[in-house]
Amino acid sequence: MNGVPLSVRVNRLFSLAHDLDGPEPGEDTVAASVSRILGRAVEPSEIESLRRNDHHAPEPDVLRAVAQHFHAPEQYLAADGYHDYDTLVRFKIAVREAGVRHLSMRSLDASAEPTTAEMESLIPLLENLRQSHGPALDPRQT
């Protein structure tokens, strides 16, 4: 399994944190939230650095606070063990970008969630749906 760089995972959290037509949250907003979580100042440039893949090691408490800000598990921004959640993030982004408002998976019982493998198999289909029909589908078509 190939590793996903930290900057890519951080950027995916930013991408997931907005509506289809809305803007991503800014580094200022995230830095202010992370500062509140940590009880100390975190500069927007520190958040921007996480997004750019700068080659200095980020502070672990900042990574934990960024994950907390985005309501992601702390493990998502750790060195390993993030792959299942990364698939979920990519799946949610693909669903939103395809304009899908409801997705029913009949093979699952009401309380079950799709497996990582099922989500991985659906991501290309959702991306193709977006490319075929554009980002904003008529709700009656979804």
N, C-alpha and C. Protein backbone atom coordinates (compact mmCIF):
# COMPACT_ATOMS: atom_id res chain seq x y z
N MET A 1 0.86 -1.18 0.00
CA MET A 1 0.00 0.00 0.00
C MET A 1 0.90 1.23 0.00
N ASN A 2 0.68 2.11 -0.92
CA ASN A 2 1.49 3.32 -1.01
C ASN A 2 1.09 4.30 0.09
N GLY A 3 2.10 5.03 0.58
CA GLY A 3 1.83 6.03 1.60
C GLY A 3 1.25 7.29 0.98
N VAL A 4 0.33 7.90 1.68
CA VAL A 4 -0.26 9.16 1.25
C VAL A 4 0.42 10.26 2.05
N PRO A 5 1.08 11.20 1.39
CA PRO A 5 1.78 12.26 2.13
C PRO A 5 0.85 13.01 3.08
N LEU A 6 1.41 13.47 4.19
CA LEU A 6 0.66 14.22 5.17
C LEU A 6 -0.04 15.42 4.54
N SER A 7 0.66 16.13 3.67
CA SER A 7 0.06 17.32 3.05
C SER A 7 -1.19 16.97 2.25
N VAL A 8 -1.18 15.83 1.60
CA VAL A 8 -2.35 15.40 0.82
C VAL A 8 -3.52 15.12 1.76
N ARG A 9 -3.25 14.45 2.89
CA ARG A 9 -4.31 14.16 3.85
C ARG A 9 -4.86 15.45 4.48
N VAL A 10 -3.99 16.38 4.80
CA VAL A 10 -4.45 17.67 5.35
C VAL A 10 -5.31 18.38 4.32
N ASN A 11 -4.87 18.43 3.08
CA ASN A 11 -5.64 19.09 2.03
C ASN A 11 -6.99 18.39 1.79
N ARG A 12 -7.02 17.08 1.95
CA ARG A 12 -8.30 16.37 1.81
C ARG A 12 -9.27 16.77 2.92
N LEU A 13 -8.75 17.00 4.13
CA LEU A 13 -9.63 17.47 5.21
C LEU A 13 -10.21 18.84 4.88
N PHE A 14 -9.38 19.72 4.33
CA PHE A 14 -9.86 21.04 3.91
C PHE A 14 -10.93 20.87 2.82
N SER A 15 -10.67 19.98 1.88
CA SER A 15 -11.60 19.76 0.78
C SER A 15 -12.92 19.19 1.26
N LEU A 16 -12.88 18.32 2.24
CA LEU A 16 -14.09 17.70 2.76
C LEU A 16 -14.93 18.69 3.56
N ALA A 17 -14.30 19.72 4.10
CA ALA A 17 -14.96 20.62 5.06
C ALA A 17 -15.74 21.76 4.43
N HIS A 18 -16.27 21.56 3.25
CA HIS A 18 -17.10 22.61 2.64
C HIS A 18 -18.17 21.99 1.78
N ASP A 19 -19.20 22.78 1.51
CA ASP A 19 -20.28 22.35 0.64
C ASP A 19 -19.80 22.36 -0.81
N LEU A 20 -20.59 21.75 -1.68
CA LEU A 20 -20.21 21.63 -3.09
C LEU A 20 -19.83 22.97 -3.71
N ASP A 21 -20.63 23.97 -3.50
CA ASP A 21 -20.36 25.27 -4.11
C ASP A 21 -19.68 26.25 -3.17
N GLY A 22 -19.37 25.82 -1.97
CA GLY A 22 -18.78 26.72 -0.99
C GLY A 22 -17.27 26.68 -1.01
N PRO A 23 -16.66 27.69 -0.41
CA PRO A 23 -15.20 27.72 -0.36
C PRO A 23 -14.66 26.82 0.76
N GLU A 24 -13.43 26.39 0.57
CA GLU A 24 -12.74 25.67 1.64
C GLU A 24 -12.51 26.62 2.81
N PRO A 25 -12.40 26.08 4.02
CA PRO A 25 -12.03 26.98 5.12
C PRO A 25 -10.62 27.50 4.89
N GLY A 26 -10.35 28.69 5.37
CA GLY A 26 -9.02 29.28 5.21
C GLY A 26 -8.08 28.86 6.32
N GLU A 27 -6.80 29.01 6.06
CA GLU A 27 -5.80 28.69 7.07
C GLU A 27 -5.98 29.54 8.32
N ASP A 28 -6.45 30.80 8.15
CA ASP A 28 -6.70 31.67 9.30
C ASP A 28 -7.74 31.06 10.23
N THR A 29 -8.82 30.57 9.65
CA THR A 29 -9.91 29.98 10.42
C THR A 29 -9.43 28.73 11.16
N VAL A 30 -8.71 27.88 10.45
CA VAL A 30 -8.22 26.64 11.06
C VAL A 30 -7.19 26.95 12.13
N ALA A 31 -6.30 27.90 11.88
CA ALA A 31 -5.28 28.28 12.88
C ALA A 31 -5.94 28.82 14.14
N ALA A 32 -6.99 29.62 13.98
CA ALA A 32 -7.70 30.16 15.15
C ALA A 32 -8.34 29.03 15.96
N SER A 33 -8.93 28.07 15.28
CA SER A 33 -9.55 26.93 15.97
C SER A 33 -8.49 26.07 16.66
N VAL A 34 -7.41 25.80 15.96
CA VAL A 34 -6.32 25.00 16.54
C VAL A 34 -5.73 25.73 17.75
N SER A 35 -5.62 27.04 17.66
CA SER A 35 -5.12 27.83 18.79
C SER A 35 -6.03 27.68 20.00
N ARG A 36 -7.34 27.73 19.76
CA ARG A 36 -8.30 27.54 20.87
C ARG A 36 -8.17 26.15 21.47
N ILE A 37 -8.05 25.15 20.62
CA ILE A 37 -7.93 23.76 21.09
C ILE A 37 -6.68 23.59 21.94
N LEU A 38 -5.56 24.16 21.50
CA LEU A 38 -4.28 23.98 22.19
C LEU A 38 -4.08 24.97 23.33
N GLY A 39 -4.81 26.06 23.33
CA GLY A 39 -4.60 27.07 24.36
C GLY A 39 -3.33 27.87 24.17
N ARG A 40 -2.85 27.93 22.95
CA ARG A 40 -1.68 28.73 22.59
C ARG A 40 -1.80 29.13 21.13
N ALA A 41 -1.06 30.14 20.77
CA ALA A 41 -1.16 30.66 19.40
C ALA A 41 -0.53 29.71 18.39
N VAL A 42 -1.26 29.49 17.32
CA VAL A 42 -0.77 28.76 16.15
C VAL A 42 -0.99 29.68 14.96
N GLU A 43 0.06 29.97 14.26
CA GLU A 43 -0.01 30.90 13.13
C GLU A 43 -0.60 30.23 11.89
N PRO A 44 -1.32 30.99 11.08
CA PRO A 44 -1.83 30.45 9.82
C PRO A 44 -0.70 29.87 8.94
N SER A 45 0.48 30.46 9.04
CA SER A 45 1.61 29.94 8.24
C SER A 45 1.97 28.51 8.63
N GLU A 46 1.71 28.14 9.89
CA GLU A 46 1.97 26.77 10.32
C GLU A 46 0.99 25.80 9.66
N ILE A 47 -0.26 26.23 9.54
CA ILE A 47 -1.27 25.41 8.87
C ILE A 47 -0.96 25.34 7.38
N GLU A 48 -0.60 26.47 6.81
CA GLU A 48 -0.22 26.51 5.39
C GLU A 48 0.96 25.59 5.12
N SER A 49 1.89 25.54 6.03
CA SER A 49 3.06 24.68 5.91
C SER A 49 2.66 23.20 5.85
N LEU A 50 1.66 22.84 6.65
CA LEU A 50 1.15 21.45 6.62
C LEU A 50 0.56 21.13 5.25
N ARG A 51 -0.08 22.10 4.64
CA ARG A 51 -0.72 21.89 3.35
C ARG A 51 0.28 21.83 2.19
N ARG A 52 1.43 22.48 2.37
CA ARG A 52 2.42 22.58 1.28
C ARG A 52 3.44 21.46 1.28
N ASN A 53 3.44 20.59 2.25
CA ASN A 53 4.42 19.51 2.34
C ASN A 53 5.82 20.04 2.61
N ASP A 54 5.91 21.04 3.47
CA ASP A 54 7.23 21.51 3.90
C ASP A 54 7.95 20.35 4.59
N HIS A 55 9.24 20.39 4.56
CA HIS A 55 10.01 19.24 5.02
C HIS A 55 10.44 19.31 6.48
N HIS A 56 9.79 20.13 7.28
CA HIS A 56 10.07 20.10 8.71
C HIS A 56 9.00 19.26 9.39
N ALA A 57 9.39 18.61 10.48
CA ALA A 57 8.45 17.75 11.19
C ALA A 57 7.42 18.60 11.94
N PRO A 58 6.14 18.41 11.66
CA PRO A 58 5.13 19.18 12.37
C PRO A 58 5.03 18.73 13.82
N GLU A 59 4.58 19.63 14.66
CA GLU A 59 4.41 19.31 16.07
C GLU A 59 3.23 18.35 16.22
N PRO A 60 3.43 17.24 16.95
CA PRO A 60 2.34 16.26 17.11
C PRO A 60 1.06 16.86 17.70
N ASP A 61 1.20 17.80 18.65
CA ASP A 61 -0.02 18.38 19.24
C ASP A 61 -0.78 19.23 18.21
N VAL A 62 -0.07 19.85 17.30
CA VAL A 62 -0.73 20.63 16.24
C VAL A 62 -1.49 19.68 15.31
N LEU A 63 -0.86 18.57 14.96
CA LEU A 63 -1.54 17.58 14.10
C LEU A 63 -2.80 17.05 14.78
N ARG A 64 -2.70 16.74 16.06
CA ARG A 64 -3.88 16.25 16.79
C ARG A 64 -4.99 17.31 16.79
N ALA A 65 -4.61 18.57 17.00
CA ALA A 65 -5.61 19.66 17.03
C ALA A 65 -6.22 19.90 15.65
N VAL A 66 -5.43 19.78 14.60
CA VAL A 66 -5.98 19.93 13.25
C VAL A 66 -7.00 18.82 12.99
N ALA A 67 -6.64 17.59 13.35
CA ALA A 67 -7.58 16.47 13.19
C ALA A 67 -8.85 16.75 13.99
N GLN A 68 -8.70 17.21 15.21
CA GLN A 68 -9.85 17.51 16.05
C GLN A 68 -10.71 18.61 15.42
N HIS A 69 -10.09 19.64 14.90
CA HIS A 69 -10.84 20.72 14.24
C HIS A 69 -11.74 20.17 13.14
N PHE A 70 -11.21 19.24 12.35
CA PHE A 70 -11.96 18.68 11.23
C PHE A 70 -12.79 17.45 11.62
N HIS A 71 -12.85 17.14 12.91
CA HIS A 71 -13.62 16.00 13.42
C HIS A 71 -13.13 14.69 12.80
N ALA A 72 -11.83 14.58 12.61
CA ALA A 72 -11.20 13.38 12.07
C ALA A 72 -10.48 12.67 13.22
N PRO A 73 -10.30 11.37 13.10
CA PRO A 73 -9.53 10.68 14.13
C PRO A 73 -8.07 11.16 14.10
N GLU A 74 -7.46 11.26 15.26
CA GLU A 74 -6.06 11.71 15.34
C GLU A 74 -5.16 10.86 14.46
N GLN A 75 -5.46 9.59 14.34
CA GLN A 75 -4.65 8.65 13.57
C GLN A 75 -4.56 9.05 12.09
N TYR A 76 -5.55 9.80 11.60
CA TYR A 76 -5.55 10.17 10.18
C TYR A 76 -4.32 11.00 9.81
N LEU A 77 -3.81 11.78 10.74
CA LEU A 77 -2.64 12.60 10.44
C LEU A 77 -1.36 12.01 11.03
N ALA A 78 -1.43 10.74 11.43
CA ALA A 78 -0.25 10.04 11.95
C ALA A 78 0.51 9.39 10.79
N ALA A 79 1.64 8.81 11.12
CA ALA A 79 2.51 8.23 10.10
C ALA A 79 1.92 7.00 9.44
N ASP A 80 1.09 6.26 10.14
CA ASP A 80 0.48 5.07 9.55
C ASP A 80 -0.88 4.82 10.20
N GLY A 81 -1.60 3.85 9.69
CA GLY A 81 -2.90 3.52 10.25
C GLY A 81 -4.02 4.43 9.80
N TYR A 82 -3.81 5.19 8.74
CA TYR A 82 -4.80 6.18 8.30
C TYR A 82 -5.56 5.74 7.05
N HIS A 83 -5.20 4.62 6.47
CA HIS A 83 -5.69 4.25 5.14
C HIS A 83 -7.20 4.09 5.06
N ASP A 84 -7.83 3.43 6.03
CA ASP A 84 -9.28 3.25 5.97
C ASP A 84 -10.00 4.59 6.05
N TYR A 85 -9.55 5.47 6.95
CA TYR A 85 -10.21 6.77 7.06
C TYR A 85 -9.94 7.61 5.80
N ASP A 86 -8.76 7.47 5.21
CA ASP A 86 -8.47 8.20 3.99
C ASP A 86 -9.43 7.78 2.88
N THR A 87 -9.74 6.50 2.81
CA THR A 87 -10.70 6.03 1.82
C THR A 87 -12.07 6.65 2.08
N LEU A 88 -12.47 6.72 3.35
CA LEU A 88 -13.75 7.33 3.70
C LEU A 88 -13.79 8.81 3.29
N VAL A 89 -12.71 9.53 3.54
CA VAL A 89 -12.63 10.95 3.16
C VAL A 89 -12.76 11.09 1.65
N ARG A 90 -11.99 10.30 0.91
CA ARG A 90 -12.05 10.36 -0.56
C ARG A 90 -13.43 9.99 -1.07
N PHE A 91 -14.08 9.02 -0.44
CA PHE A 91 -15.42 8.59 -0.82
C PHE A 91 -16.42 9.73 -0.60
N LYS A 92 -16.36 10.36 0.57
CA LYS A 92 -17.28 11.47 0.87
C LYS A 92 -17.09 12.64 -0.09
N ILE A 93 -15.84 12.93 -0.41
CA ILE A 93 -15.56 14.01 -1.37
C ILE A 93 -16.13 13.64 -2.75
N ALA A 94 -15.93 12.39 -3.17
CA ALA A 94 -16.44 11.95 -4.48
C ALA A 94 -17.96 12.00 -4.53
N VAL A 95 -18.62 11.61 -3.44
CA VAL A 95 -20.09 11.67 -3.38
C VAL A 95 -20.55 13.12 -3.52
N ARG A 96 -19.93 14.01 -2.74
CA ARG A 96 -20.32 15.42 -2.80
C ARG A 96 -20.05 16.01 -4.18
N GLU A 97 -18.86 15.77 -4.72
CA GLU A 97 -18.50 16.36 -6.01
C GLU A 97 -19.36 15.83 -7.15
N ALA A 98 -19.88 14.62 -7.01
CA ALA A 98 -20.77 14.07 -8.04
C ALA A 98 -22.18 14.62 -7.90
N GLY A 99 -22.44 15.35 -6.81
CA GLY A 99 -23.76 15.91 -6.59
C GLY A 99 -24.77 14.90 -6.08
N VAL A 100 -24.30 13.79 -5.57
CA VAL A 100 -25.18 12.75 -5.06
C VAL A 100 -25.76 13.19 -3.73
N ARG A 101 -27.08 13.15 -3.63
CA ARG A 101 -27.74 13.57 -2.39
C ARG A 101 -28.14 12.37 -1.53
N HIS A 102 -28.29 11.22 -2.15
CA HIS A 102 -28.66 10.01 -1.41
C HIS A 102 -27.99 8.83 -2.09
N LEU A 103 -27.43 7.96 -1.28
CA LEU A 103 -26.77 6.77 -1.81
C LEU A 103 -27.26 5.59 -1.01
N SER A 104 -27.90 4.65 -1.66
CA SER A 104 -28.43 3.48 -0.98
C SER A 104 -27.68 2.25 -1.47
N MET A 105 -27.18 1.50 -0.52
CA MET A 105 -26.45 0.27 -0.86
C MET A 105 -27.29 -0.90 -0.35
N ARG A 106 -28.02 -1.49 -1.24
CA ARG A 106 -29.00 -2.50 -0.86
C ARG A 106 -28.39 -3.76 -0.27
N SER A 107 -27.13 -4.02 -0.52
CA SER A 107 -26.52 -5.23 0.01
C SER A 107 -26.20 -5.11 1.50
N LEU A 108 -26.31 -3.91 2.05
CA LEU A 108 -26.01 -3.69 3.46
C LEU A 108 -27.29 -3.64 4.27
N ASP A 109 -27.20 -4.12 5.53
CA ASP A 109 -28.36 -3.93 6.39
C ASP A 109 -28.37 -2.48 6.86
N ALA A 110 -29.44 -2.07 7.48
CA ALA A 110 -29.64 -0.65 7.81
C ALA A 110 -28.55 -0.08 8.70
N SER A 111 -27.92 -0.88 9.54
CA SER A 111 -26.92 -0.35 10.47
C SER A 111 -25.49 -0.49 9.96
N ALA A 112 -25.29 -1.20 8.85
CA ALA A 112 -23.95 -1.44 8.34
C ALA A 112 -23.45 -0.27 7.50
N GLU A 113 -22.15 -0.10 7.47
CA GLU A 113 -21.52 0.90 6.62
C GLU A 113 -20.74 0.16 5.53
N PRO A 114 -20.52 0.81 4.41
CA PRO A 114 -19.74 0.14 3.35
C PRO A 114 -18.31 -0.13 3.83
N THR A 115 -17.75 -1.20 3.32
CA THR A 115 -16.37 -1.53 3.67
C THR A 115 -15.42 -0.63 2.89
N THR A 116 -14.18 -0.62 3.32
CA THR A 116 -13.15 0.15 2.61
C THR A 116 -13.07 -0.29 1.16
N ALA A 117 -13.11 -1.59 0.92
CA ALA A 117 -13.03 -2.11 -0.45
C ALA A 117 -14.24 -1.65 -1.28
N GLU A 118 -15.43 -1.66 -0.68
CA GLU A 118 -16.62 -1.20 -1.41
C GLU A 118 -16.50 0.29 -1.76
N MET A 119 -16.04 1.08 -0.80
CA MET A 119 -15.88 2.51 -1.08
C MET A 119 -14.83 2.73 -2.15
N GLU A 120 -13.71 2.01 -2.08
CA GLU A 120 -12.65 2.14 -3.10
C GLU A 120 -13.20 1.83 -4.48
N SER A 121 -14.07 0.82 -4.58
CA SER A 121 -14.62 0.46 -5.89
C SER A 121 -15.62 1.49 -6.40
N LEU A 122 -16.26 2.23 -5.49
CA LEU A 122 -17.25 3.22 -5.90
C LEU A 122 -16.65 4.58 -6.24
N ILE A 123 -15.49 4.90 -5.71
CA ILE A 123 -14.89 6.22 -5.95
C ILE A 123 -14.71 6.50 -7.44
N PRO A 124 -14.13 5.59 -8.23
CA PRO A 124 -14.00 5.88 -9.67
C PRO A 124 -15.36 6.05 -10.36
N LEU A 125 -16.36 5.28 -9.94
CA LEU A 125 -17.70 5.41 -10.52
C LEU A 125 -18.27 6.79 -10.23
N LEU A 126 -18.11 7.26 -8.99
CA LEU A 126 -18.60 8.59 -8.62
C LEU A 126 -17.85 9.68 -9.37
N GLU A 127 -16.53 9.52 -9.49
CA GLU A 127 -15.75 10.52 -10.23
C GLU A 127 -16.16 10.55 -11.70
N ASN A 128 -16.45 9.39 -12.26
CA ASN A 128 -16.91 9.32 -13.65
C ASN A 128 -18.30 9.96 -13.79
N LEU A 129 -19.15 9.76 -12.81
CA LEU A 129 -20.47 10.38 -12.81
C LEU A 129 -20.34 11.89 -12.85
N ARG A 130 -19.43 12.42 -12.04
CA ARG A 130 -19.22 13.87 -12.03
C ARG A 130 -18.73 14.37 -13.38
N GLN A 131 -17.78 13.64 -13.97
CA GLN A 131 -17.23 14.06 -15.26
C GLN A 131 -18.29 13.98 -16.37
N SER A 132 -19.17 12.98 -16.27
CA SER A 132 -20.20 12.78 -17.30
C SER A 132 -21.33 13.78 -17.20
N HIS A 133 -21.68 14.17 -15.96
CA HIS A 133 -22.87 15.00 -15.75
C HIS A 133 -22.58 16.35 -15.16
N GLY A 134 -21.32 16.66 -14.90
CA GLY A 134 -20.99 17.94 -14.29
C GLY A 134 -21.14 17.89 -12.78
N PRO A 135 -20.67 18.91 -12.09
CA PRO A 135 -20.65 18.89 -10.63
C PRO A 135 -22.01 19.06 -9.97
N ALA A 136 -22.97 19.66 -10.64
CA ALA A 136 -24.25 19.91 -9.99
C ALA A 136 -25.35 19.18 -10.76
N LEU A 137 -25.69 17.99 -10.29
CA LEU A 137 -26.74 17.21 -10.92
C LEU A 137 -28.10 17.67 -10.42
N ASP A 138 -29.10 17.48 -11.23
CA ASP A 138 -30.47 17.71 -10.80
C ASP A 138 -30.79 16.69 -9.70
N PRO A 139 -31.34 17.12 -8.56
CA PRO A 139 -31.60 16.20 -7.46
C PRO A 139 -32.49 15.02 -7.85
N ARG A 140 -33.31 15.16 -8.87
CA ARG A 140 -34.16 14.06 -9.28
C ARG A 140 -33.36 12.97 -9.98
N GLN A 141 -32.12 13.28 -10.38
CA GLN A 141 -31.29 12.30 -11.08
C GLN A 141 -30.38 11.55 -10.13
N THR A 142 -30.35 11.89 -8.85
CA THR A 142 -29.42 11.26 -7.92
C THR A 142 -30.10 10.28 -7.02
